[in-house]
Amino acid sequence: MLKGQVSSLLFAVLTSLSVSAFAAEPPKVDSAKPAVTQASKVAEVGKVNLNTADAATLERELIGIGEVKAQAIIAHRETNGPFASVDELLEVKGIGAATLEKNRDKLNLN
């Protein structure tokens, strides 16, 4: 008799646990955050690598840089090699000191 009561009690506990596991609300996933980032193009959040970023990334991430200036940056990089400092961006036609200062905190070379 005791064995039957223990079995019934164990069955009730296990059934309750399985029902509560299936009835629980699933964890919420934040779909606004991408699962994979483009680490090679944007090394840190908000940082753009002048030596590896493509034109679309430059245009999207930098203030005052449109399609033409982004292409000019890439052309300068291809002609003269990688940028040794962020200040070399001033050598690109159409980019002045004001544009550089607006974007200085967003730029890196690594």
Protein backbone atom coordinates (compact mmCIF):
# COMPACT_ATOMS: atom_id res chain seq x y z
CA MET A 1 0.00 0.00 0.00
CA LEU A 2 2.80 2.41 0.91
CA LYS A 3 4.54 1.57 -2.35
CA GLY A 4 1.40 2.49 -4.30
CA GLN A 5 1.06 5.84 -2.50
CA VAL A 6 4.72 6.73 -3.13
CA SER A 7 4.32 5.83 -6.80
CA SER A 8 1.21 7.98 -7.07
CA LEU A 9 2.90 10.89 -5.34
CA LEU A 10 5.99 10.60 -7.57
CA PHE A 11 3.77 10.47 -10.67
CA ALA A 12 1.91 13.60 -9.55
CA VAL A 13 5.15 15.53 -8.93
CA LEU A 14 6.69 14.56 -12.26
CA THR A 15 3.50 15.39 -14.13
CA SER A 16 3.33 18.80 -12.47
CA LEU A 17 6.93 19.55 -13.38
CA SER A 18 6.49 18.59 -17.02
CA VAL A 19 3.28 20.63 -17.34
CA SER A 20 4.89 23.69 -15.77
CA ALA A 21 7.91 23.37 -18.06
CA PHE A 22 5.73 23.39 -21.18
CA ALA A 23 3.40 26.08 -19.89
CA ALA A 24 6.20 28.51 -19.02
CA GLU A 25 6.63 31.51 -21.30
CA PRO A 26 9.61 31.06 -23.63
CA PRO A 27 12.50 33.49 -23.15
CA LYS A 28 12.21 36.64 -25.24
CA VAL A 29 14.79 37.18 -27.95
CA ASP A 30 15.65 40.73 -28.89
CA SER A 31 15.30 40.62 -32.68
CA ALA A 32 16.51 44.21 -33.02
CA LYS A 33 20.11 43.12 -32.41
CA PRO A 34 21.79 41.27 -35.27
CA ALA A 35 23.16 37.85 -34.47
CA VAL A 36 26.27 38.41 -36.56
CA THR A 37 28.16 41.67 -36.87
CA GLN A 38 30.56 42.68 -39.57
CA ALA A 39 33.62 42.62 -37.34
CA SER A 40 36.03 43.16 -40.21
CA LYS A 41 34.34 46.37 -41.29
CA VAL A 42 33.28 47.81 -37.94
CA ALA A 43 35.77 46.68 -35.28
CA GLU A 44 34.07 48.37 -32.35
CA VAL A 45 30.57 49.70 -32.08
CA GLY A 46 30.61 52.96 -34.01
CA LYS A 47 34.25 52.60 -35.10
CA VAL A 48 35.04 52.44 -38.81
CA ASN A 49 38.36 51.05 -40.00
CA LEU A 50 39.63 53.38 -42.71
CA ASN A 51 41.84 50.66 -44.15
CA THR A 52 39.22 47.93 -44.57
CA ALA A 53 35.77 49.56 -44.74
CA ASP A 54 33.93 49.42 -48.04
CA ALA A 55 32.19 52.43 -49.61
CA ALA A 56 28.76 51.49 -48.26
CA THR A 57 30.10 51.30 -44.69
CA LEU A 58 31.91 54.63 -44.99
CA GLU A 59 28.82 56.29 -46.38
CA ARG A 60 26.51 54.78 -43.76
CA GLU A 61 28.65 55.33 -40.67
CA LEU A 62 30.38 58.66 -41.26
CA ILE A 63 28.83 62.12 -41.07
CA GLY A 64 29.12 64.17 -44.26
CA ILE A 65 30.44 61.26 -46.33
CA GLY A 66 28.30 60.42 -49.32
CA GLU A 67 28.83 58.04 -52.19
CA VAL A 68 31.36 60.21 -54.02
CA LYS A 69 33.53 60.91 -50.96
CA ALA A 70 33.40 57.27 -49.89
CA GLN A 71 34.65 56.24 -53.33
CA ALA A 72 37.36 58.92 -53.09
CA ILE A 73 38.55 57.48 -49.76
CA ILE A 74 38.79 54.01 -51.27
CA ALA A 75 40.56 55.33 -54.37
CA HIS A 76 43.07 57.16 -52.18
CA ARG A 77 43.65 53.99 -50.15
CA GLU A 78 44.17 51.91 -53.30
CA THR A 79 46.54 54.47 -54.84
CA ASN A 80 48.59 55.38 -51.75
CA GLY A 81 48.29 52.28 -49.58
CA PRO A 82 46.68 52.01 -46.17
CA PHE A 83 46.17 55.07 -44.02
CA ALA A 84 48.92 55.47 -41.41
CA SER A 85 46.91 58.00 -39.39
CA VAL A 86 43.37 59.32 -39.32
CA ASP A 87 44.74 62.78 -40.23
CA GLU A 88 45.73 61.44 -43.68
CA LEU A 89 42.03 61.57 -44.50
CA LEU A 90 42.61 65.30 -45.14
CA GLU A 91 44.57 64.31 -48.25
CA VAL A 92 41.39 62.95 -49.84
CA LYS A 93 39.79 65.44 -52.19
CA GLY A 94 36.56 66.85 -50.76
CA ILE A 95 37.33 66.07 -47.12
CA GLY A 96 38.25 69.00 -44.95
CA ALA A 97 39.11 69.58 -41.33
CA ALA A 98 35.45 70.01 -40.31
CA THR A 99 34.43 66.65 -41.76
CA LEU A 100 37.43 64.97 -40.16
CA GLU A 101 36.64 66.44 -36.73
CA LYS A 102 32.98 65.36 -36.95
CA ASN A 103 34.12 61.78 -37.57
CA ARG A 104 37.41 61.52 -35.66
CA ASP A 105 35.84 59.53 -32.77
CA LYS A 106 34.29 57.07 -35.23
CA LEU A 107 37.51 56.26 -37.07
CA ASN A 108 40.29 53.79 -36.40
CA LEU A 109 43.03 52.10 -38.38
CA ASN A 110 43.11 48.62 -36.82
